[in-house]
Amino acid sequence: AAHAMLIPFGGSSWNDDIINAGSEQDAGVAWLNYLGP
């Protein structure tokens, strides 16, 4: 068992632009989630 903010096929998602360390340029969009172990 585990807990999560969002689950697959749950109808919700959240994404944002990502910046790699050492750069100020957006590297692309990724989807985000918070999880338990």
Full PDB file with SEQRES, HELIX, SHEET, SSBOND, CRYST1, ORIGX, SCALE, CONECT and MASTER records, all heavy atoms in Angstrom:
SEQRES   1 A   37  ALA ALA HIS ALA MET LEU ILE PRO PHE GLY GLY SER SER          
SEQRES   2 A   37  TRP ASN ASP ASP ILE ILE ASN ALA GLY SER GLU GLN ASP          
SEQRES   3 A   37  ALA GLY VAL ALA TRP LEU ASN TYR LEU GLY PRO                  
SHEET    1 AA1 2 ASN A  15  ILE A  19  0                                        
SHEET    2 AA1 2 ASP A  26  TRP A  31 -1                                        
CRYST1    1.000    1.000    1.000  90.00  90.00  90.00 P 1           1          
ORIGX1      1.000000  0.000000  0.000000        0.00000                         
ORIGX2      0.000000  1.000000  0.000000        0.00000                         
ORIGX3      0.000000  0.000000  1.000000        0.00000                         
SCALE1      1.000000  0.000000  0.000000        0.00000                         
SCALE2      0.000000  1.000000  0.000000        0.00000                         
SCALE3      0.000000  0.000000  1.000000        0.00000                         
ATOM      1  N   ALA A   1       0.853  -1.193   0.000  1.00  0.00           N  
ATOM      2  CA  ALA A   1       0.000   0.000   0.000  1.00  0.00           C  
ATOM      3  C   ALA A   1       0.884   1.236   0.000  1.00  0.00           C  
ATOM      4  O   ALA A   1       2.016   1.211   0.487  1.00  0.00           O  
ATOM      5  CB  ALA A   1      -0.929   0.004   1.208  1.00  0.00           C  
ATOM      6  N   ALA A   2       0.381   2.312  -0.561  1.00  0.00           N  
ATOM      7  CA  ALA A   2       1.116   3.580  -0.598  1.00  0.00           C  
ATOM      8  C   ALA A   2       0.121   4.701  -0.851  1.00  0.00           C  
ATOM      9  O   ALA A   2      -0.992   4.467  -1.329  1.00  0.00           O  
ATOM     10  CB  ALA A   2       2.177   3.565  -1.688  1.00  0.00           C  
ATOM     11  N   HIS A   3       0.519   5.907  -0.527  1.00  0.00           N  
ATOM     12  CA  HIS A   3      -0.347   7.036  -0.825  1.00  0.00           C  
ATOM     13  C   HIS A   3       0.305   7.926  -1.880  1.00  0.00           C  
ATOM     14  O   HIS A   3       1.523   7.910  -2.076  1.00  0.00           O  
ATOM     15  CB  HIS A   3      -0.684   7.837   0.431  1.00  0.00           C  
ATOM     16  CG  HIS A   3       0.475   8.559   1.046  1.00  0.00           C  
ATOM     17  ND1 HIS A   3       1.428   7.931   1.797  1.00  0.00           N  
ATOM     18  CD2 HIS A   3       0.826   9.863   1.004  1.00  0.00           C  
ATOM     19  CE1 HIS A   3       2.314   8.811   2.218  1.00  0.00           C  
ATOM     20  NE2 HIS A   3       1.987   9.992   1.743  1.00  0.00           N  
ATOM     21  N   ALA A   4      -0.521   8.706  -2.575  1.00  0.00           N  
ATOM     22  CA  ALA A   4      -0.041   9.568  -3.650  1.00  0.00           C  
ATOM     23  C   ALA A   4      -1.000  10.735  -3.819  1.00  0.00           C  
ATOM     24  O   ALA A   4      -2.196  10.623  -3.531  1.00  0.00           O  
ATOM     25  CB  ALA A   4       0.064   8.792  -4.956  1.00  0.00           C  
ATOM     26  N   MET A   5      -0.456  11.856  -4.290  1.00  0.00           N  
ATOM     27  CA  MET A   5      -1.304  13.007  -4.566  1.00  0.00           C  
ATOM     28  C   MET A   5      -2.173  12.743  -5.790  1.00  0.00           C  
ATOM     29  O   MET A   5      -3.360  13.048  -5.813  1.00  0.00           O  
ATOM     30  CB  MET A   5      -0.445  14.253  -4.794  1.00  0.00           C  
ATOM     31  CG  MET A   5      -1.248  15.529  -4.985  1.00  0.00           C  
ATOM     32  SD  MET A   5      -0.213  16.990  -5.234  1.00  0.00           S  
ATOM     33  CE  MET A   5       0.373  16.694  -6.908  1.00  0.00           C  
ATOM     34  N   LEU A   6      -1.568  12.144  -6.833  1.00  0.00           N  
ATOM     35  CA  LEU A   6      -2.274  11.822  -8.073  1.00  0.00           C  
ATOM     36  C   LEU A   6      -2.052  10.352  -8.397  1.00  0.00           C  
ATOM     37  O   LEU A   6      -1.005   9.793  -8.082  1.00  0.00           O  
ATOM     38  CB  LEU A   6      -1.745  12.681  -9.231  1.00  0.00           C  
ATOM     39  CG  LEU A   6      -1.793  14.196  -9.042  1.00  0.00           C  
ATOM     40  CD1 LEU A   6      -1.054  14.891 -10.179  1.00  0.00           C  
ATOM     41  CD2 LEU A   6      -3.228  14.691  -8.966  1.00  0.00           C  
ATOM     42  N   ILE A   7      -3.038   9.723  -9.036  1.00  0.00           N  
ATOM     43  CA  ILE A   7      -2.912   8.322  -9.409  1.00  0.00           C  
ATOM     44  C   ILE A   7      -3.199   8.158 -10.901  1.00  0.00           C  
ATOM     45  O   ILE A   7      -3.913   8.967 -11.498  1.00  0.00           O  
ATOM     46  CB  ILE A   7      -3.861   7.426  -8.599  1.00  0.00           C  
ATOM     47  CG1 ILE A   7      -5.320   7.828  -8.835  1.00  0.00           C  
ATOM     48  CG2 ILE A   7      -3.527   7.472  -7.125  1.00  0.00           C  
ATOM     49  CD1 ILE A   7      -6.321   6.878  -8.224  1.00  0.00           C  
ATOM     50  N   PRO A   8      -2.630   7.121 -11.532  1.00  0.00           N  
ATOM     51  CA  PRO A   8      -2.899   6.898 -12.951  1.00  0.00           C  
ATOM     52  C   PRO A   8      -4.391   6.729 -13.233  1.00  0.00           C  
ATOM     53  O   PRO A   8      -5.115   6.106 -12.462  1.00  0.00           O  
ATOM     54  CB  PRO A   8      -2.127   5.597 -13.243  1.00  0.00           C  
ATOM     55  CG  PRO A   8      -1.052   5.553 -12.211  1.00  0.00           C  
ATOM     56  CD  PRO A   8      -1.662   6.149 -10.981  1.00  0.00           C  
ATOM     57  N   PHE A   9      -4.838   7.347 -14.335  1.00  0.00           N  
ATOM     58  CA  PHE A   9      -6.237   7.284 -14.782  1.00  0.00           C  
ATOM     59  C   PHE A   9      -7.191   7.877 -13.752  1.00  0.00           C  
ATOM     60  O   PHE A   9      -8.366   7.523 -13.703  1.00  0.00           O  
ATOM     61  CB  PHE A   9      -6.643   5.838 -15.121  1.00  0.00           C  
ATOM     62  CG  PHE A   9      -5.712   5.179 -16.090  1.00  0.00           C  
ATOM     63  CD1 PHE A   9      -4.736   4.302 -15.653  1.00  0.00           C  
ATOM     64  CD2 PHE A   9      -5.779   5.470 -17.442  1.00  0.00           C  
ATOM     65  CE1 PHE A   9      -3.843   3.716 -16.540  1.00  0.00           C  
ATOM     66  CE2 PHE A   9      -4.889   4.891 -18.338  1.00  0.00           C  
ATOM     67  CZ  PHE A   9      -3.918   4.017 -17.893  1.00  0.00           C  
ATOM     68  N   GLY A  10      -6.672   8.790 -12.932  1.00  0.00           N  
ATOM     69  CA  GLY A  10      -7.500   9.437 -11.915  1.00  0.00           C  
ATOM     70  C   GLY A  10      -8.163  10.707 -12.390  1.00  0.00           C  
ATOM     71  O   GLY A  10      -8.936  11.319 -11.654  1.00  0.00           O  
ATOM     72  N   GLY A  11      -7.846  11.149 -13.611  1.00  0.00           N  
ATOM     73  CA  GLY A  11      -8.487  12.333 -14.164  1.00  0.00           C  
ATOM     74  C   GLY A  11      -7.777  13.633 -13.866  1.00  0.00           C  
ATOM     75  O   GLY A  11      -8.240  14.698 -14.294  1.00  0.00           O  
ATOM     76  N   SER A  12      -6.655  13.605 -13.138  1.00  0.00           N  
ATOM     77  CA  SER A  12      -5.925  14.830 -12.804  1.00  0.00           C  
ATOM     78  C   SER A  12      -4.454  14.671 -13.150  1.00  0.00           C  
ATOM     79  O   SER A  12      -3.902  13.570 -13.045  1.00  0.00           O  
ATOM     80  CB  SER A  12      -6.067  15.153 -11.315  1.00  0.00           C  
ATOM     81  OG  SER A  12      -7.420  15.355 -10.965  1.00  0.00           O  
ATOM     82  N   SER A  13      -3.817  15.765 -13.521  1.00  0.00           N  
ATOM     83  CA  SER A  13      -2.382  15.762 -13.781  1.00  0.00           C  
ATOM     84  C   SER A  13      -1.839  17.157 -13.534  1.00  0.00           C  
ATOM     85  O   SER A  13      -2.591  18.136 -13.431  1.00  0.00           O  
ATOM     86  CB  SER A  13      -2.076  15.297 -15.208  1.00  0.00           C  
ATOM     87  OG  SER A  13      -2.627  16.200 -16.157  1.00  0.00           O  
ATOM     88  N   TRP A  14      -0.495  17.261 -13.481  1.00  0.00           N  
ATOM     89  CA  TRP A  14       0.160  18.522 -13.159  1.00  0.00           C  
ATOM     90  C   TRP A  14       1.535  18.500 -13.801  1.00  0.00           C  
ATOM     91  O   TRP A  14       2.279  17.537 -13.632  1.00  0.00           O  
ATOM     92  CB  TRP A  14       0.246  18.642 -11.634  1.00  0.00           C  
ATOM     93  CG  TRP A  14       1.141  19.714 -11.088  1.00  0.00           C  
ATOM     94  CD1 TRP A  14       1.372  20.950 -11.606  1.00  0.00           C  
ATOM     95  CD2 TRP A  14       1.924  19.624  -9.898  1.00  0.00           C  
ATOM     96  NE1 TRP A  14       2.246  21.635 -10.816  1.00  0.00           N  
ATOM     97  CE2 TRP A  14       2.602  20.856  -9.752  1.00  0.00           C  
ATOM     98  CE3 TRP A  14       2.119  18.633  -8.934  1.00  0.00           C  
ATOM     99  CZ2 TRP A  14       3.461  21.114  -8.692  1.00  0.00           C  
ATOM    100  CZ3 TRP A  14       2.971  18.886  -7.882  1.00  0.00           C  
ATOM    101  CH2 TRP A  14       3.624  20.117  -7.765  1.00  0.00           C  
ATOM    102  N   ASN A  15       1.856  19.536 -14.565  1.00  0.00           N  
ATOM    103  CA  ASN A  15       3.175  19.577 -15.183  1.00  0.00           C  
ATOM    104  C   ASN A  15       3.795  20.959 -15.047  1.00  0.00           C  
ATOM    105  O   ASN A  15       3.125  21.932 -14.695  1.00  0.00           O  
ATOM    106  CB  ASN A  15       3.113  19.135 -16.655  1.00  0.00           C  
ATOM    107  CG  ASN A  15       2.212  20.028 -17.492  1.00  0.00           C  
ATOM    108  OD1 ASN A  15       2.152  21.230 -17.302  1.00  0.00           O  
ATOM    109  ND2 ASN A  15       1.492  19.425 -18.439  1.00  0.00           N  
ATOM    110  N   ASP A  16       5.103  21.023 -15.327  1.00  0.00           N  
ATOM    111  CA  ASP A  16       5.821  22.291 -15.226  1.00  0.00           C  
ATOM    112  C   ASP A  16       7.103  22.208 -16.051  1.00  0.00           C  
ATOM    113  O   ASP A  16       7.544  21.115 -16.437  1.00  0.00           O  
ATOM    114  CB  ASP A  16       6.151  22.601 -13.770  1.00  0.00           C  
ATOM    115  CG  ASP A  16       6.027  24.098 -13.474  1.00  0.00           C  
ATOM    116  OD1 ASP A  16       6.329  24.905 -14.389  1.00  0.00           O  
ATOM    117  OD2 ASP A  16       5.632  24.450 -12.348  1.00  0.00           O  
ATOM    118  N   ASP A  17       7.693  23.366 -16.315  1.00  0.00           N  
ATOM    119  CA  ASP A  17       8.959  23.425 -17.039  1.00  0.00           C  
ATOM    120  C   ASP A  17      10.108  23.067 -16.107  1.00  0.00           C  
ATOM    121  O   ASP A  17      10.109  23.438 -14.920  1.00  0.00           O  
ATOM    122  CB  ASP A  17       9.181  24.833 -17.607  1.00  0.00           C  
ATOM    123  CG  ASP A  17       8.195  25.160 -18.719  1.00  0.00           C  
ATOM    124  OD1 ASP A  17       7.995  24.297 -19.591  1.00  0.00           O  
ATOM    125  OD2 ASP A  17       7.632  26.259 -18.712  1.00  0.00           O  
ATOM    126  N   ILE A  18      11.101  22.375 -16.643  1.00  0.00           N  
ATOM    127  CA  ILE A  18      12.239  21.906 -15.867  1.00  0.00           C  
ATOM    128  C   ILE A  18      13.513  22.595 -16.345  1.00  0.00           C  
ATOM    129  O   ILE A  18      13.718  22.773 -17.548  1.00  0.00           O  
ATOM    130  CB  ILE A  18      12.405  20.378 -16.007  1.00  0.00           C  
ATOM    131  CG1 ILE A  18      11.090  19.673 -15.627  1.00  0.00           C  
ATOM    132  CG2 ILE A  18      13.559  19.883 -15.143  1.00  0.00           C  
ATOM    133  CD1 ILE A  18      10.577  19.983 -14.239  1.00  0.00           C  
ATOM    134  N   ILE A  19      14.356  22.984 -15.380  1.00  0.00           N  
ATOM    135  CA  ILE A  19      15.640  23.611 -15.681  1.00  0.00           C  
ATOM    136  C   ILE A  19      16.734  22.747 -15.074  1.00  0.00           C  
ATOM    137  O   ILE A  19      16.755  22.521 -13.858  1.00  0.00           O  
ATOM    138  CB  ILE A  19      15.710  25.035 -15.101  1.00  0.00           C  
ATOM    139  CG1 ILE A  19      14.568  25.895 -15.662  1.00  0.00           C  
ATOM    140  CG2 ILE A  19      17.066  25.677 -15.399  1.00  0.00           C  
ATOM    141  CD1 ILE A  19      14.430  27.241 -14.988  1.00  0.00           C  
ATOM    142  N   ASN A  20      17.624  22.224 -15.895  1.00  0.00           N  
ATOM    143  CA  ASN A  20      18.716  21.405 -15.383  1.00  0.00           C  
ATOM    144  C   ASN A  20      19.731  22.270 -14.647  1.00  0.00           C  
ATOM    145  O   ASN A  20      19.927  23.452 -14.969  1.00  0.00           O  
ATOM    146  CB  ASN A  20      19.403  20.658 -16.535  1.00  0.00           C  
ATOM    147  CG  ASN A  20      18.528  19.552 -17.093  1.00  0.00           C  
ATOM    148  OD1 ASN A  20      17.829  18.860 -16.347  1.00  0.00           O  
ATOM    149  ND2 ASN A  20      18.556  19.367 -18.404  1.00  0.00           N  
ATOM    150  N   ALA A  21      20.381  21.697 -13.646  1.00  0.00           N  
ATOM    151  CA  ALA A  21      21.390  22.422 -12.869  1.00  0.00           C  
ATOM    152  C   ALA A  21      22.489  22.939 -13.788  1.00  0.00           C  
ATOM    153  O   ALA A  21      22.910  22.255 -14.729  1.00  0.00           O  
ATOM    154  CB  ALA A  21      21.980  21.504 -11.806  1.00  0.00           C  
ATOM    155  N   GLY A  22      22.931  24.180 -13.528  1.00  0.00           N  
ATOM    156  CA  GLY A  22      23.971  24.776 -14.339  1.00  0.00           C  
ATOM    157  C   GLY A  22      23.468  25.481 -15.573  1.00  0.00           C  
ATOM    158  O   GLY A  22      24.247  25.961 -16.383  1.00  0.00           O  
ATOM    159  N   SER A  23      22.144  25.533 -15.732  1.00  0.00           N  
ATOM    160  CA  SER A  23      21.553  26.179 -16.906  1.00  0.00           C  
ATOM    161  C   SER A  23      20.408  27.080 -16.462  1.00  0.00           C  
ATOM    162  O   SER A  23      19.826  26.893 -15.389  1.00  0.00           O  
ATOM    163  CB  SER A  23      21.027  25.134 -17.892  1.00  0.00           C  
ATOM    164  OG  SER A  23      20.301  25.746 -18.943  1.00  0.00           O  
ATOM    165  N   GLU A  24      20.088  28.053 -17.281  1.00  0.00           N  
ATOM    166  CA  GLU A  24      18.926  28.905 -17.043  1.00  0.00           C  
ATOM    167  C   GLU A  24      17.859  28.690 -18.110  1.00  0.00           C  
ATOM    168  O   GLU A  24      16.852  29.387 -18.134  1.00  0.00           O  
ATOM    169  CB  GLU A  24      19.351  30.378 -17.011  1.00  0.00           C  
ATOM    170  CG  GLU A  24      20.214  30.749 -15.810  1.00  0.00           C  
ATOM    171  CD  GLU A  24      19.504  30.523 -14.474  1.00  0.00           C  
ATOM    172  OE1 GLU A  24      18.294  30.803 -14.402  1.00  0.00           O  
ATOM    173  OE2 GLU A  24      20.154  30.051 -13.521  1.00  0.00           O  
ATOM    174  N   GLN A  25      18.082  27.714 -18.977  1.00  0.00           N  
ATOM    175  CA  GLN A  25      17.159  27.439 -20.073  1.00  0.00           C  
ATOM    176  C   GLN A  25      16.215  26.301 -19.706  1.00  0.00           C  
ATOM    177  O   GLN A  25      16.625  25.315 -19.094  1.00  0.00           O  
ATOM    178  CB  GLN A  25      17.931  27.070 -21.344  1.00  0.00           C  
ATOM    179  CG  GLN A  25      18.892  28.151 -21.815  1.00  0.00           C  
ATOM    180  CD  GLN A  25      18.188  29.431 -22.207  1.00  0.00           C  
ATOM    181  OE1 GLN A  25      17.138  29.391 -22.852  1.00  0.00           O  
ATOM    182  NE2 GLN A  25      18.750  30.560 -21.806  1.00  0.00           N  
ATOM    183  N   ASP A  26      14.946  26.447 -20.088  1.00  0.00           N  
ATOM    184  CA  ASP A  26      13.985  25.364 -19.873  1.00  0.00           C  
ATOM    185  C   ASP A  26      14.407  24.149 -20.696  1.00  0.00           C  
ATOM    186  O   ASP A  26      14.659  24.259 -21.903  1.00  0.00           O  
ATOM    187  CB  ASP A  26      12.581  25.793 -20.292  1.00  0.00           C  
ATOM    188  CG  ASP A  26      11.969  26.802 -19.322  1.00  0.00           C  
ATOM    189  OD1 ASP A  26      12.473  26.902 -18.192  1.00  0.00           O  
ATOM    190  OD2 ASP A  26      11.000  27.481 -19.706  1.00  0.00           O  
ATOM    191  N   ALA A  27      14.482  23.001 -20.037  1.00  0.00           N  
ATOM    192  CA  ALA A  27      14.886  21.770 -20.723  1.00  0.00           C  
ATOM    193  C   ALA A  27      13.698  21.003 -21.278  1.00  0.00           C  
ATOM    194  O   ALA A  27      13.875  20.042 -22.026  1.00  0.00           O  
ATOM    195  CB  ALA A  27      15.680  20.877 -19.769  1.00  0.00           C  
ATOM    196  N   GLY A  28      12.490  21.413 -20.913  1.00  0.00           N  
ATOM    197  CA  GLY A  28      11.291  20.719 -21.371  1.00  0.00           C  
ATOM    198  C   GLY A  28      10.261  20.631 -20.264  1.00  0.00           C  
ATOM    199  O   GLY A  28      10.512  21.033 -19.123  1.00  0.00           O  
ATOM    200  N   VAL A  29       9.123  20.082 -20.601  1.00  0.00           N  
ATOM    201  CA  VAL A  29       8.013  19.951 -19.651  1.00  0.00           C  
ATOM    202  C   VAL A  29       7.996  18.543 -19.077  1.00  0.00           C  
ATOM    203  O   VAL A  29       8.174  17.566 -19.804  1.00  0.00           O  
ATOM    204  CB  VAL A  29       6.668  20.262 -20.334  1.00  0.00           C  
ATOM    205  CG1 VAL A  29       5.501  19.995 -19.387  1.00  0.00           C  
ATOM    206  CG2 VAL A  29       6.638  21.699 -20.827  1.00  0.00           C  
ATOM    207  N   ALA A  30       7.784  18.439 -17.770  1.00  0.00           N  
ATOM    208  CA  ALA A  30       7.640  17.139 -17.110  1.00  0.00           C  
ATOM    209  C   ALA A  30       6.404  17.166 -16.236  1.00  0.00           C  
ATOM    210  O   ALA A  30       5.977  18.218 -15.760  1.00  0.00           O  
ATOM    211  CB  ALA A  30       8.883  16.808 -16.283  1.00  0.00           C  
ATOM    212  N   TRP A  31       5.840  15.985 -16.024  1.00  0.00           N  
ATOM    213  CA  TRP A  31       4.673  15.832 -15.163  1.00  0.00           C  
ATOM    214  C   TRP A  31       5.150  15.503 -13.745  1.00  0.00           C  
ATOM    215  O   TRP A  31       6.145  14.784 -13.559  1.00  0.00           O  
ATOM    216  CB  TRP A  31       3.754  14.749 -15.712  1.00  0.00           C  
ATOM    217  CG  TRP A  31       2.840  15.264 -16.773  1.00  0.00           C  
ATOM    218  CD1 TRP A  31       1.498  15.453 -16.676  1.00  0.00           C  
ATOM    219  CD2 TRP A  31       3.185  15.662 -18.109  1.00  0.00           C  
ATOM    220  NE1 TRP A  31       0.987  15.957 -17.849  1.00  0.00           N  
ATOM    221  CE2 TRP A  31       2.006  16.089 -18.756  1.00  0.00           C  
ATOM    222  CE3 TRP A  31       4.389  15.707 -18.820  1.00  0.00           C  
ATOM    223  CZ2 TRP A  31       1.992  16.555 -20.062  1.00  0.00           C  
ATOM    224  CZ3 TRP A  31       4.389  16.182 -20.133  1.00  0.00           C  
ATOM    225  CH2 TRP A  31       3.192  16.590 -20.731  1.00  0.00           C  
ATOM    226  N   LEU A  32       4.453  16.022 -12.734  1.00  0.00           N  
ATOM    227  CA  LEU A  32       4.902  15.945 -11.351  1.00  0.00           C  
ATOM    228  C   LEU A  32       3.905  15.190 -10.486  1.00  0.00           C  
ATOM    229  O   LEU A  32       2.696  15.211 -10.735  1.00  0.00           O  
ATOM    230  CB  LEU A  32       5.097  17.354 -10.782  1.00  0.00           C  
ATOM    231  CG  LEU A  32       5.783  18.390 -11.689  1.00  0.00           C  
ATOM    232  CD1 LEU A  32       5.831  19.753 -11.009  1.00  0.00           C  
ATOM    233  CD2 LEU A  32       7.177  17.933 -12.070  1.00  0.00           C  
ATOM    234  N   ASN A  33       4.426  14.548  -9.438  1.00  0.00           N  
ATOM    235  CA  ASN A  33       3.559  13.839  -8.489  1.00  0.00           C  
ATOM    236  C   ASN A  33       4.295  13.708  -7.160  1.00  0.00           C  
ATOM    237  O   ASN A  33       5.528  13.679  -7.128  1.00  0.00           O  
ATOM    238  CB  ASN A  33       3.190  12.449  -9.025  1.00  0.00           C  
ATOM    239  CG  ASN A  33       1.938  11.898  -8.367  1.00  0.00           C  
ATOM    240  OD1 ASN A  33       1.355  12.513  -7.473  1.00  0.00           O  
ATOM    241  ND2 ASN A  33       1.521  10.720  -8.796  1.00  0.00           N  
ATOM    242  N   TYR A  34       3.539  13.660  -6.078  1.00  0.00           N  
ATOM    243  CA  TYR A  34       4.095  13.422  -4.743  1.00  0.00           C  
ATOM    244  C   TYR A  34       3.625  12.062  -4.251  1.00  0.00           C  
ATOM    245  O   TYR A  34       2.427  11.735  -4.341  1.00  0.00           O  
ATOM    246  CB  TYR A  34       3.641  14.514  -3.770  1.00  0.00           C  
ATOM    247  CG  TYR A  34       4.436  15.792  -3.899  1.00  0.00           C  
ATOM    248  CD1 TYR A  34       4.035  16.791  -4.779  1.00  0.00           C  
ATOM    249  CD2 TYR A  34       5.591  16.000  -3.148  1.00  0.00           C  
ATOM    250  CE1 TYR A  34       4.761  17.967  -4.905  1.00  0.00           C  
ATOM    251  CE2 TYR A  34       6.323  17.176  -3.270  1.00  0.00           C  
ATOM    252  CZ  TYR A  34       5.905  18.154  -4.144  1.00  0.00           C  
ATOM    253  OH  TYR A  34       6.636  19.307  -4.270  1.00  0.00           O  
ATOM    254  N   LEU A  35       4.559  11.255  -3.723  1.00  0.00           N  
ATOM    255  CA  LEU A  35       4.277   9.864  -3.375  1.00  0.00           C  
ATOM    256  C   LEU A  35       4.794   9.527  -1.986  1.00  0.00           C  
ATOM    257  O   LEU A  35       5.724  10.151  -1.483  1.00  0.00           O  
ATOM    258  CB  LEU A  35       4.979   8.911  -4.353  1.00  0.00           C  
ATOM    259  CG  LEU A  35       4.957   9.215  -5.838  1.00  0.00           C  
ATOM    260  CD1 LEU A  35       5.888   8.248  -6.545  1.00  0.00           C  
ATOM    261  CD2 LEU A  35       3.552   9.116  -6.377  1.00  0.00           C  
ATOM    262  N   GLY A  36       4.228   8.454  -1.441  1.00  0.00           N  
ATOM    263  CA  GLY A  36       4.784   7.847  -0.251  1.00  0.00           C  
ATOM    264  C   GLY A  36       5.635   6.647  -0.631  1.00  0.00           C  
ATOM    265  O   GLY A  36       5.555   6.139  -1.757  1.00  0.00           O  
ATOM    266  N   PRO A  37       6.471   6.153   0.280  1.00  0.00           N  
ATOM    267  CA  PRO A  37       7.277   4.950  -0.001  1.00  0.00           C  
ATOM    268  C   PRO A  37       6.392   3.772  -0.385  1.00  0.00           C  
ATOM    269  O   PRO A  37       5.278   3.622   0.134  1.00  0.00           O  
ATOM    270  CB  PRO A  37       7.994   4.692   1.327  1.00  0.00           C  
ATOM    271  CG  PRO A  37       8.008   6.018   2.024  1.00  0.00           C  
ATOM    272  CD  PRO A  37       6.729   6.698   1.624  1.00  0.00           C  
TER     273      PRO A  37                                                      
MASTER        0    0    0    0    2    0    0    6  272    1    0    3          
END                                                                             
